[in-house]
């Protein structure tokens, strides 16, 4: 794991060197106490998911329903 320190409005670029296409740019948008807001710039055809959503997609599990919402219909 690469660990970098970035200040507000500083970015990290993944890819883009040695003839490689830029894959993603991550920018620190806001720092408020212990919370950091990040912005991700990618091509429209590149999916970006939170890790817990990506894991559900990868394993084929249904997303968790909010409490009180009706059950999804069974196909």
C-alpha atoms as a PDB file:
ATOM      1  CA  UNK A   1       0.000   0.000   0.000  1.00  0.00           C
ATOM      2  CA  UNK A   2       1.278   3.429  -0.953  1.00  0.00           C
ATOM      3  CA  UNK A   3       0.572   6.045   1.728  1.00  0.00           C
ATOM      4  CA  UNK A   4       0.761   9.720   0.761  1.00  0.00           C
ATOM      5  CA  UNK A   5       0.065  12.956   2.598  1.00  0.00           C
ATOM      6  CA  UNK A   6      -1.941  15.561   0.685  1.00  0.00           C
ATOM      7  CA  UNK A   7      -3.210  18.983   1.652  1.00  0.00           C
ATOM      8  CA  UNK A   8      -6.524  20.554   0.680  1.00  0.00           C
ATOM      9  CA  UNK A   9      -6.822  20.845  -3.152  1.00  0.00           C
ATOM     10  CA  UNK A  10      -3.779  18.601  -3.767  1.00  0.00           C
ATOM     11  CA  UNK A  11      -4.181  15.524  -5.970  1.00  0.00           C
ATOM     12  CA  UNK A  12      -2.795  12.079  -6.699  1.00  0.00           C
ATOM     13  CA  UNK A  13      -2.810  10.654 -10.259  1.00  0.00           C
ATOM     14  CA  UNK A  14      -2.918   6.892 -10.913  1.00  0.00           C
ATOM     15  CA  UNK A  15      -1.437   5.917 -14.275  1.00  0.00           C
ATOM     16  CA  UNK A  16      -0.315   8.453 -16.860  1.00  0.00           C
ATOM     17  CA  UNK A  17       3.443   7.857 -16.932  1.00  0.00           C
ATOM     18  CA  UNK A  18       5.615   6.004 -19.424  1.00  0.00           C
ATOM     19  CA  UNK A  19       2.986   6.204 -22.168  1.00  0.00           C
ATOM     20  CA  UNK A  20       0.290   4.883 -19.826  1.00  0.00           C
ATOM     21  CA  UNK A  21      -3.114   6.547 -19.860  1.00  0.00           C
ATOM     22  CA  UNK A  22      -4.237   8.394 -16.721  1.00  0.00           C
ATOM     23  CA  UNK A  23      -6.682   6.104 -14.933  1.00  0.00           C
ATOM     24  CA  UNK A  24      -7.857   8.264 -12.057  1.00  0.00           C
ATOM     25  CA  UNK A  25      -7.106  11.564 -10.341  1.00  0.00           C
ATOM     26  CA  UNK A  26      -8.012  11.795  -6.653  1.00  0.00           C
ATOM     27  CA  UNK A  27      -8.222  15.308  -5.178  1.00  0.00           C
ATOM     28  CA  UNK A  28      -8.661  16.319  -1.541  1.00  0.00           C
ATOM     29  CA  UNK A  29     -11.688  18.633  -1.661  1.00  0.00           C
ATOM     30  CA  UNK A  30     -12.223  19.355   2.005  1.00  0.00           C
ATOM     31  CA  UNK A  31     -10.783  18.476   5.390  1.00  0.00           C
ATOM     32  CA  UNK A  32     -13.079  18.943   8.382  1.00  0.00           C
ATOM     33  CA  UNK A  33     -11.834  17.438  11.646  1.00  0.00           C
ATOM     34  CA  UNK A  34     -11.430  13.679  11.136  1.00  0.00           C
ATOM     35  CA  UNK A  35     -13.380  13.681   7.834  1.00  0.00           C
ATOM     36  CA  UNK A  36     -11.814  14.093   4.407  1.00  0.00           C
ATOM     37  CA  UNK A  37     -13.886  14.690   1.272  1.00  0.00           C
ATOM     38  CA  UNK A  38     -12.271  13.262  -1.880  1.00  0.00           C
ATOM     39  CA  UNK A  39     -13.078  13.903  -5.534  1.00  0.00           C
ATOM     40  CA  UNK A  40     -12.430  11.241  -8.208  1.00  0.00           C
ATOM     41  CA  UNK A  41     -11.903  12.111 -11.870  1.00  0.00           C
ATOM     42  CA  UNK A  42     -12.139   9.164 -14.267  1.00  0.00           C
ATOM     43  CA  UNK A  43     -13.392   8.535 -17.788  1.00  0.00           C
ATOM     44  CA  UNK A  44     -17.150   7.947 -18.021  1.00  0.00           C
ATOM     45  CA  UNK A  45     -16.606   4.265 -18.837  1.00  0.00           C
ATOM     46  CA  UNK A  46     -14.655   3.611 -15.603  1.00  0.00           C
ATOM     47  CA  UNK A  47     -16.889   2.570 -12.678  1.00  0.00           C
ATOM     48  CA  UNK A  48     -16.089   3.988  -9.233  1.00  0.00           C
ATOM     49  CA  UNK A  49     -17.645   2.406  -6.126  1.00  0.00           C
ATOM     50  CA  UNK A  50     -17.167   2.494  -2.379  1.00  0.00           C
ATOM     51  CA  UNK A  51     -15.381  -0.703  -1.327  1.00  0.00           C
ATOM     52  CA  UNK A  52     -18.447  -2.211   0.381  1.00  0.00           C
ATOM     53  CA  UNK A  53     -20.566  -1.660  -2.750  1.00  0.00           C
ATOM     54  CA  UNK A  54     -17.827  -3.088  -4.983  1.00  0.00           C
ATOM     55  CA  UNK A  55     -17.652  -6.192  -2.774  1.00  0.00           C
ATOM     56  CA  UNK A  56     -21.431  -6.752  -3.064  1.00  0.00           C
ATOM     57  CA  UNK A  57     -21.205  -6.368  -6.853  1.00  0.00           C
ATOM     58  CA  UNK A  58     -18.241  -8.760  -6.994  1.00  0.00           C
ATOM     59  CA  UNK A  59     -19.966 -11.444  -4.935  1.00  0.00           C
ATOM     60  CA  UNK A  60     -23.373 -10.962  -6.573  1.00  0.00           C
ATOM     61  CA  UNK A  61     -25.123 -10.138  -3.293  1.00  0.00           C
ATOM     62  CA  UNK A  62     -28.106  -7.806  -3.230  1.00  0.00           C
ATOM     63  CA  UNK A  63     -27.503  -4.387  -1.648  1.00  0.00           C
ATOM     64  CA  UNK A  64     -28.756  -3.883   1.902  1.00  0.00           C
ATOM     65  CA  UNK A  65     -32.214  -2.300   2.059  1.00  0.00           C
ATOM     66  CA  UNK A  66     -32.801   0.739   4.266  1.00  0.00           C
ATOM     67  CA  UNK A  67     -34.894  -0.080   7.336  1.00  0.00           C
ATOM     68  CA  UNK A  68     -38.614   0.210   6.724  1.00  0.00           C
ATOM     69  CA  UNK A  69     -38.344  -0.134   2.936  1.00  0.00           C
ATOM     70  CA  UNK A  70     -40.433  -2.804   1.226  1.00  0.00           C
ATOM     71  CA  UNK A  71     -38.829  -6.084   0.240  1.00  0.00           C
ATOM     72  CA  UNK A  72     -37.666  -6.395  -3.355  1.00  0.00           C
ATOM     73  CA  UNK A  73     -39.952  -8.507  -5.545  1.00  0.00           C
ATOM     74  CA  UNK A  74     -38.808 -12.066  -6.160  1.00  0.00           C
ATOM     75  CA  UNK A  75     -38.319 -12.846  -9.849  1.00  0.00           C
END
